[in-house]
Each structure stands twice: as structure tokens, then as C-alpha cells.
Amino acid sequence: MKSISSSQEPEAVRKKIRQLQNRQKVLLNRKADAERKARTHRLIERGAILESVFPEIVPMLGEQVKAFLERKR
């Protein structure tokens, strides 16, 4: 184990804190990316199912699809 003088100790602790904060940011970004990819996949999959069950919605705009589905309730 390295011997750290008392004057270097606070800087070593600050450096370790910065490293851990950066690691936390990286992990949070990875989590957000994974959640975004899962949501995108889910939306695409459900949109494909919707189009296969109701082929008439393919040419419709978003608001038209919404109105169509609300009428189906």
C-alpha cells in the first residue's frame, strides 16, 4: 500500500470522490439509455401490432388514430 503524506491525503480523497461521481454519471447514463431503448422497442412493437389488427390506420395521422381508438372503446 502506498504511503500518502498528510498534505496529499485531502487531494487523494477529492480525486477519489470525483472518480466515484464520474462513475455514477456513467452508470446513470447507461440506465437511461437502456430504459430509452426498452421504451422505443415497446412502442415499435405495439405500433406494429396495432397496424396488423387495424390496417386502416396506416395512412392516418396521430390524432386520427387516437380518435379511431377512442371510438373503439
PDB file of N, CA and C in Angstrom:
ATOM      1  N   MET A   1       0.838  -1.179   0.000  1.00  0.00           N
ATOM      2  CA  MET A   1       0.000   0.000   0.000  1.00  0.00           C
ATOM      3  C   MET A   1       0.880   1.238   0.000  1.00  0.00           C
ATOM      4  N   LYS A   2       0.484   2.217  -0.795  1.00  0.00           N
ATOM      5  CA  LYS A   2       1.279   3.434  -0.897  1.00  0.00           C
ATOM      6  C   LYS A   2       1.154   4.270   0.363  1.00  0.00           C
ATOM      7  N   SER A   3       2.238   4.907   0.684  1.00  0.00           N
ATOM      8  CA  SER A   3       2.232   5.822   1.818  1.00  0.00           C
ATOM      9  C   SER A   3       1.907   7.216   1.282  1.00  0.00           C
ATOM     10  N   ILE A   4       0.876   7.831   1.819  1.00  0.00           N
ATOM     11  CA  ILE A   4       0.474   9.162   1.378  1.00  0.00           C
ATOM     12  C   ILE A   4       0.743  10.128   2.520  1.00  0.00           C
ATOM     13  N   SER A   5       1.447  11.218   2.192  1.00  0.00           N
ATOM     14  CA  SER A   5       1.721  12.208   3.226  1.00  0.00           C
ATOM     15  C   SER A   5       0.432  12.939   3.581  1.00  0.00           C
ATOM     16  N   SER A   6       0.441  13.558   4.740  1.00  0.00           N
ATOM     17  CA  SER A   6      -0.770  14.228   5.230  1.00  0.00           C
ATOM     18  C   SER A   6      -1.192  15.372   4.307  1.00  0.00           C
ATOM     19  N   SER A   7      -0.285  15.988   3.581  1.00  0.00           N
ATOM     20  CA  SER A   7      -0.651  17.071   2.667  1.00  0.00           C
ATOM     21  C   SER A   7      -1.282  16.531   1.384  1.00  0.00           C
ATOM     22  N   GLN A   8      -0.964  15.289   1.011  1.00  0.00           N
ATOM     23  CA  GLN A   8      -1.531  14.692  -0.199  1.00  0.00           C
ATOM     24  C   GLN A   8      -2.873  14.019   0.068  1.00  0.00           C
ATOM     25  N   GLU A   9      -3.135  13.704   1.305  1.00  0.00           N
ATOM     26  CA  GLU A   9      -4.335  12.953   1.655  1.00  0.00           C
ATOM     27  C   GLU A   9      -5.638  13.634   1.235  1.00  0.00           C
ATOM     28  N   PRO A  10      -5.856  14.909   1.542  1.00  0.00           N
ATOM     29  CA  PRO A  10      -7.118  15.545   1.116  1.00  0.00           C
ATOM     30  C   PRO A  10      -7.286  15.536  -0.412  1.00  0.00           C
ATOM     31  N   GLU A  11      -6.217  15.754  -1.132  1.00  0.00           N
ATOM     32  CA  GLU A  11      -6.310  15.752  -2.600  1.00  0.00           C
ATOM     33  C   GLU A  11      -6.616  14.348  -3.113  1.00  0.00           C
ATOM     34  N   ALA A  12      -6.048  13.334  -2.509  1.00  0.00           N
ATOM     35  CA  ALA A  12      -6.322  11.953  -2.920  1.00  0.00           C
ATOM     36  C   ALA A  12      -7.791  11.612  -2.669  1.00  0.00           C
ATOM     37  N   VAL A  13      -8.325  12.096  -1.560  1.00  0.00           N
ATOM     38  CA  VAL A  13      -9.737  11.855  -1.244  1.00  0.00           C
ATOM     39  C   VAL A  13     -10.623  12.585  -2.246  1.00  0.00           C
ATOM     40  N   ARG A  14     -10.288  13.834  -2.559  1.00  0.00           N
ATOM     41  CA  ARG A  14     -11.069  14.598  -3.549  1.00  0.00           C
ATOM     42  C   ARG A  14     -11.027  13.914  -4.922  1.00  0.00           C
ATOM     43  N   LYS A  15      -9.883  13.406  -5.285  1.00  0.00           N
ATOM     44  CA  LYS A  15      -9.744  12.715  -6.569  1.00  0.00           C
ATOM     45  C   LYS A  15     -10.624  11.462  -6.585  1.00  0.00           C
ATOM     46  N   LYS A  16     -10.610  10.712  -5.503  1.00  0.00           N
ATOM     47  CA  LYS A  16     -11.426   9.503  -5.416  1.00  0.00           C
ATOM     48  C   LYS A  16     -12.912   9.864  -5.486  1.00  0.00           C
ATOM     49  N   ILE A  17     -13.309  10.940  -4.828  1.00  0.00           N
ATOM     50  CA  ILE A  17     -14.707  11.397  -4.880  1.00  0.00           C
ATOM     51  C   ILE A  17     -15.088  11.751  -6.313  1.00  0.00           C
ATOM     52  N   ARG A  18     -14.235  12.485  -7.027  1.00  0.00           N
ATOM     53  CA  ARG A  18     -14.509  12.844  -8.430  1.00  0.00           C
ATOM     54  C   ARG A  18     -14.643  11.594  -9.288  1.00  0.00           C
ATOM     55  N   GLN A  19     -13.763  10.627  -9.066  1.00  0.00           N
ATOM     56  CA  GLN A  19     -13.826   9.375  -9.829  1.00  0.00           C
ATOM     57  C   GLN A  19     -15.151   8.655  -9.587  1.00  0.00           C
ATOM     58  N   LEU A  20     -15.559   8.597  -8.329  1.00  0.00           N
ATOM     59  CA  LEU A  20     -16.818   7.922  -7.996  1.00  0.00           C
ATOM     60  C   LEU A  20     -18.028   8.678  -8.556  1.00  0.00           C
ATOM     61  N   GLN A  21     -17.970  10.006  -8.521  1.00  0.00           N
ATOM     62  CA  GLN A  21     -19.059  10.804  -9.096  1.00  0.00           C
ATOM     63  C   GLN A  21     -19.147  10.580 -10.607  1.00  0.00           C
ATOM     64  N   ASN A  22     -18.000  10.538 -11.263  1.00  0.00           N
ATOM     65  CA  ASN A  22     -17.995  10.288 -12.706  1.00  0.00           C
ATOM     66  C   ASN A  22     -18.516   8.890 -13.014  1.00  0.00           C
ATOM     67  N   ARG A  23     -18.134   7.931 -12.212  1.00  0.00           N
ATOM     68  CA  ARG A  23     -18.622   6.556 -12.394  1.00  0.00           C
ATOM     69  C   ARG A  23     -20.141   6.503 -12.224  1.00  0.00           C
ATOM     70  N   GLN A  24     -20.650   7.238 -11.243  1.00  0.00           N
ATOM     71  CA  GLN A  24     -22.095   7.296 -11.023  1.00  0.00           C
ATOM     72  C   GLN A  24     -22.799   7.897 -12.246  1.00  0.00           C
ATOM     73  N   LYS A  25     -22.239   8.966 -12.809  1.00  0.00           N
ATOM     74  CA  LYS A  25     -22.823   9.580 -14.007  1.00  0.00           C
ATOM     75  C   LYS A  25     -22.866   8.592 -15.164  1.00  0.00           C
ATOM     76  N   VAL A  26     -21.786   7.851 -15.349  1.00  0.00           N
ATOM     77  CA  VAL A  26     -21.719   6.854 -16.426  1.00  0.00           C
ATOM     78  C   VAL A  26     -22.803   5.798 -16.226  1.00  0.00           C
ATOM     79  N   LEU A  27     -22.931   5.309 -15.004  1.00  0.00           N
ATOM     80  CA  LEU A  27     -23.933   4.276 -14.724  1.00  0.00           C
ATOM     81  C   LEU A  27     -25.357   4.808 -14.910  1.00  0.00           C
ATOM     82  N   LEU A  28     -25.612   6.030 -14.483  1.00  0.00           N
ATOM     83  CA  LEU A  28     -26.937   6.625 -14.667  1.00  0.00           C
ATOM     84  C   LEU A  28     -27.251   6.825 -16.148  1.00  0.00           C
ATOM     85  N   ASN A  29     -26.243   7.217 -16.929  1.00  0.00           N
ATOM     86  CA  ASN A  29     -26.437   7.377 -18.372  1.00  0.00           C
ATOM     87  C   ASN A  29     -26.734   6.037 -19.028  1.00  0.00           C
ATOM     88  N   ARG A  30     -26.046   4.989 -18.607  1.00  0.00           N
ATOM     89  CA  ARG A  30     -26.310   3.658 -19.156  1.00  0.00           C
ATOM     90  C   ARG A  30     -27.725   3.205 -18.832  1.00  0.00           C
ATOM     91  N   LYS A  31     -28.154   3.479 -17.602  1.00  0.00           N
ATOM     92  CA  LYS A  31     -29.506   3.103 -17.188  1.00  0.00           C
ATOM     93  C   LYS A  31     -30.539   3.851 -18.029  1.00  0.00           C
ATOM     94  N   ALA A  32     -30.341   5.144 -18.218  1.00  0.00           N
ATOM     95  CA  ALA A  32     -31.265   5.949 -19.019  1.00  0.00           C
ATOM     96  C   ALA A  32     -31.304   5.453 -20.462  1.00  0.00           C
ATOM     97  N   ASP A  33     -30.142   5.109 -21.014  1.00  0.00           N
ATOM     98  CA  ASP A  33     -30.083   4.584 -22.383  1.00  0.00           C
ATOM     99  C   ASP A  33     -30.847   3.268 -22.492  1.00  0.00           C
ATOM    100  N   ALA A  34     -30.669   2.393 -21.522  1.00  0.00           N
ATOM    101  CA  ALA A  34     -31.360   1.101 -21.538  1.00  0.00           C
ATOM    102  C   ALA A  34     -32.869   1.303 -21.434  1.00  0.00           C
ATOM    103  N   GLU A  35     -33.297   2.221 -20.576  1.00  0.00           N
ATOM    104  CA  GLU A  35     -34.731   2.496 -20.439  1.00  0.00           C
ATOM    105  C   GLU A  35     -35.297   3.084 -21.722  1.00  0.00           C
ATOM    106  N   ARG A  36     -34.552   3.981 -22.361  1.00  0.00           N
ATOM    107  CA  ARG A  36     -34.994   4.605 -23.612  1.00  0.00           C
ATOM    108  C   ARG A  36     -35.112   3.554 -24.720  1.00  0.00           C
ATOM    109  N   LYS A  37     -34.121   2.660 -24.807  1.00  0.00           N
ATOM    110  CA  LYS A  37     -34.162   1.596 -25.815  1.00  0.00           C
ATOM    111  C   LYS A  37     -35.333   0.655 -25.573  1.00  0.00           C
ATOM    112  N   ALA A  38     -35.607   0.327 -24.321  1.00  0.00           N
ATOM    113  CA  ALA A  38     -36.723  -0.558 -23.996  1.00  0.00           C
ATOM    114  C   ALA A  38     -38.050   0.105 -24.367  1.00  0.00           C
ATOM    115  N   ARG A  39     -38.171   1.383 -24.090  1.00  0.00           N
ATOM    116  CA  ARG A  39     -39.407   2.108 -24.429  1.00  0.00           C
ATOM    117  C   ARG A  39     -39.581   2.173 -25.943  1.00  0.00           C
ATOM    118  N   THR A  40     -38.527   2.496 -26.655  1.00  0.00           N
ATOM    119  CA  THR A  40     -38.596   2.558 -28.115  1.00  0.00           C
ATOM    120  C   THR A  40     -39.015   1.212 -28.686  1.00  0.00           C
ATOM    121  N   HIS A  41     -38.412   0.142 -28.189  1.00  0.00           N
ATOM    122  CA  HIS A  41     -38.747  -1.206 -28.661  1.00  0.00           C
ATOM    123  C   HIS A  41     -40.225  -1.509 -28.390  1.00  0.00           C
ATOM    124  N   ARG A  42     -40.674  -1.178 -27.189  1.00  0.00           N
ATOM    125  CA  ARG A  42     -42.060  -1.431 -26.817  1.00  0.00           C
ATOM    126  C   ARG A  42     -43.028  -0.657 -27.709  1.00  0.00           C
ATOM    127  N   LEU A  43     -42.725   0.609 -27.971  1.00  0.00           N
ATOM    128  CA  LEU A  43     -43.601   1.428 -28.809  1.00  0.00           C
ATOM    129  C   LEU A  43     -43.656   0.916 -30.241  1.00  0.00           C
ATOM    130  N   ILE A  44     -42.514   0.526 -30.773  1.00  0.00           N
ATOM    131  CA  ILE A  44     -42.473  -0.014 -32.133  1.00  0.00           C
ATOM    132  C   ILE A  44     -43.259  -1.310 -32.211  1.00  0.00           C
ATOM    133  N   GLU A  45     -43.052  -2.179 -31.240  1.00  0.00           N
ATOM    134  CA  GLU A  45     -43.739  -3.468 -31.222  1.00  0.00           C
ATOM    135  C   GLU A  45     -45.257  -3.276 -31.130  1.00  0.00           C
ATOM    136  N   ARG A  46     -45.699  -2.405 -30.263  1.00  0.00           N
ATOM    137  CA  ARG A  46     -47.140  -2.174 -30.101  1.00  0.00           C
ATOM    138  C   ARG A  46     -47.727  -1.481 -31.313  1.00  0.00           C
ATOM    139  N   GLY A  47     -46.975  -0.585 -31.916  1.00  0.00           N
ATOM    140  CA  GLY A  47     -47.443   0.065 -33.141  1.00  0.00           C
ATOM    141  C   GLY A  47     -47.626  -0.947 -34.262  1.00  0.00           C
ATOM    142  N   ALA A  48     -46.697  -1.885 -34.372  1.00  0.00           N
ATOM    143  CA  ALA A  48     -46.796  -2.932 -35.393  1.00  0.00           C
ATOM    144  C   ALA A  48     -48.015  -3.810 -35.136  1.00  0.00           C
ATOM    145  N   ILE A  49     -48.267  -4.155 -33.879  1.00  0.00           N
ATOM    146  CA  ILE A  49     -49.445  -4.958 -33.537  1.00  0.00           C
ATOM    147  C   ILE A  49     -50.712  -4.190 -33.899  1.00  0.00           C
ATOM    148  N   LEU A  50     -50.751  -2.918 -33.540  1.00  0.00           N
ATOM    149  CA  LEU A  50     -51.901  -2.078 -33.829  1.00  0.00           C
ATOM    150  C   LEU A  50     -52.184  -2.025 -35.326  1.00  0.00           C
ATOM    151  N   GLU A  51     -51.138  -1.819 -36.129  1.00  0.00           N
ATOM    152  CA  GLU A  51     -51.306  -1.768 -37.581  1.00  0.00           C
ATOM    153  C   GLU A  51     -51.747  -3.106 -38.153  1.00  0.00           C
ATOM    154  N   SER A  52     -51.292  -4.202 -37.564  1.00  0.00           N
ATOM    155  CA  SER A  52     -51.688  -5.506 -38.095  1.00  0.00           C
ATOM    156  C   SER A  52     -53.150  -5.819 -37.768  1.00  0.00           C
ATOM    157  N   VAL A  53     -53.650  -5.350 -36.617  1.00  0.00           N
ATOM    158  CA  VAL A  53     -55.033  -5.594 -36.224  1.00  0.00           C
ATOM    159  C   VAL A  53     -55.983  -4.617 -36.925  1.00  0.00           C
ATOM    160  N   PHE A  54     -55.538  -3.372 -37.094  1.00  0.00           N
ATOM    161  CA  PHE A  54     -56.345  -2.329 -37.746  1.00  0.00           C
ATOM    162  C   PHE A  54     -55.564  -1.735 -38.918  1.00  0.00           C
ATOM    163  N   PRO A  55     -55.494  -2.431 -40.054  1.00  0.00           N
ATOM    164  CA  PRO A  55     -54.701  -1.926 -41.184  1.00  0.00           C
ATOM    165  C   PRO A  55     -55.192  -0.578 -41.717  1.00  0.00           C
ATOM    166  N   GLU A  56     -56.430  -0.224 -41.441  1.00  0.00           N
ATOM    167  CA  GLU A  56     -56.968   1.047 -41.930  1.00  0.00           C
ATOM    168  C   GLU A  56     -56.317   2.264 -41.268  1.00  0.00           C
ATOM    169  N   ILE A  57     -55.603   2.063 -40.176  1.00  0.00           N
ATOM    170  CA  ILE A  57     -54.971   3.213 -39.508  1.00  0.00           C
ATOM    171  C   ILE A  57     -53.623   3.604 -40.112  1.00  0.00           C
ATOM    172  N   VAL A  58     -53.078   2.760 -40.976  1.00  0.00           N
ATOM    173  CA  VAL A  58     -51.731   3.020 -41.517  1.00  0.00           C
ATOM    174  C   VAL A  58     -51.619   4.414 -42.136  1.00  0.00           C
ATOM    175  N   PRO A  59     -52.558   4.845 -42.976  1.00  0.00           N
ATOM    176  CA  PRO A  59     -52.400   6.183 -43.573  1.00  0.00           C
ATOM    177  C   PRO A  59     -52.826   7.337 -42.664  1.00  0.00           C
ATOM    178  N   MET A  60     -53.389   7.045 -41.497  1.00  0.00           N
ATOM    179  CA  MET A  60     -53.907   8.091 -40.610  1.00  0.00           C
ATOM    180  C   MET A  60     -52.794   8.846 -39.878  1.00  0.00           C
ATOM    181  N   LEU A  61     -53.109  10.067 -39.513  1.00  0.00           N
ATOM    182  CA  LEU A  61     -52.219  10.863 -38.671  1.00  0.00           C
ATOM    183  C   LEU A  61     -52.463  10.490 -37.214  1.00  0.00           C
ATOM    184  N   GLY A  62     -51.573  10.910 -36.345  1.00  0.00           N
ATOM    185  CA  GLY A  62     -51.646  10.557 -34.929  1.00  0.00           C
ATOM    186  C   GLY A  62     -52.975  10.875 -34.277  1.00  0.00           C
ATOM    187  N   GLU A  63     -53.494  12.080 -34.493  1.00  0.00           N
ATOM    188  CA  GLU A  63     -54.771  12.468 -33.882  1.00  0.00           C
ATOM    189  C   GLU A  63     -55.914  11.630 -34.437  1.00  0.00           C
ATOM    190  N   GLN A  64     -55.830  11.282 -35.721  1.00  0.00           N
ATOM    191  CA  GLN A  64     -56.868  10.440 -36.322  1.00  0.00           C
ATOM    192  C   GLN A  64     -56.847   9.041 -35.708  1.00  0.00           C
ATOM    193  N   VAL A  65     -55.667   8.508 -35.471  1.00  0.00           N
ATOM    194  CA  VAL A  65     -55.539   7.188 -34.845  1.00  0.00           C
ATOM    195  C   VAL A  65     -56.118   7.243 -33.436  1.00  0.00           C
ATOM    196  N   LYS A  66     -55.793   8.303 -32.716  1.00  0.00           N
ATOM    197  CA  LYS A  66     -56.307   8.462 -31.352  1.00  0.00           C
ATOM    198  C   LYS A  66     -57.834   8.482 -31.357  1.00  0.00           C
ATOM    199  N   ALA A  67     -58.431   9.272 -32.262  1.00  0.00           N
ATOM    200  CA  ALA A  67     -59.890   9.356 -32.350  1.00  0.00           C
ATOM    201  C   ALA A  67     -60.477   7.993 -32.728  1.00  0.00           C
ATOM    202  N   PHE A  68     -59.836   7.296 -33.654  1.00  0.00           N
ATOM    203  CA  PHE A  68     -60.284   5.967 -34.073  1.00  0.00           C
ATOM    204  C   PHE A  68     -60.310   5.011 -32.892  1.00  0.00           C
ATOM    205  N   LEU A  69     -59.259   5.009 -32.114  1.00  0.00           N
ATOM    206  CA  LEU A  69     -59.171   4.100 -30.957  1.00  0.00           C
ATOM    207  C   LEU A  69     -60.160   4.477 -29.870  1.00  0.00           C
ATOM    208  N   GLU A  70     -60.365   5.757 -29.684  1.00  0.00           N
ATOM    209  CA  GLU A  70     -61.346   6.189 -28.682  1.00  0.00           C
ATOM    210  C   GLU A  70     -62.749   5.760 -29.074  1.00  0.00           C
ATOM    211  N   ARG A  71     -63.062   5.737 -30.369  1.00  0.00           N
ATOM    212  CA  ARG A  71     -64.369   5.263 -30.835  1.00  0.00           C
ATOM    213  C   ARG A  71     -64.513   3.757 -30.612  1.00  0.00           C
ATOM    214  N   LYS A  72     -63.389   3.030 -30.575  1.00  0.00           N
ATOM    215  CA  LYS A  72     -63.403   1.564 -30.400  1.00  0.00           C
ATOM    216  C   LYS A  72     -63.635   1.146 -28.949  1.00  0.00           C
ATOM    217  N   ARG A  73     -63.525   2.084 -28.020  1.00  0.00           N
ATOM    218  CA  ARG A  73     -63.690   1.753 -26.601  1.00  0.00           C
ATOM    219  C   ARG A  73     -65.024   1.163 -26.314  1.00  0.00           C
TER     220      ARG A  73
END
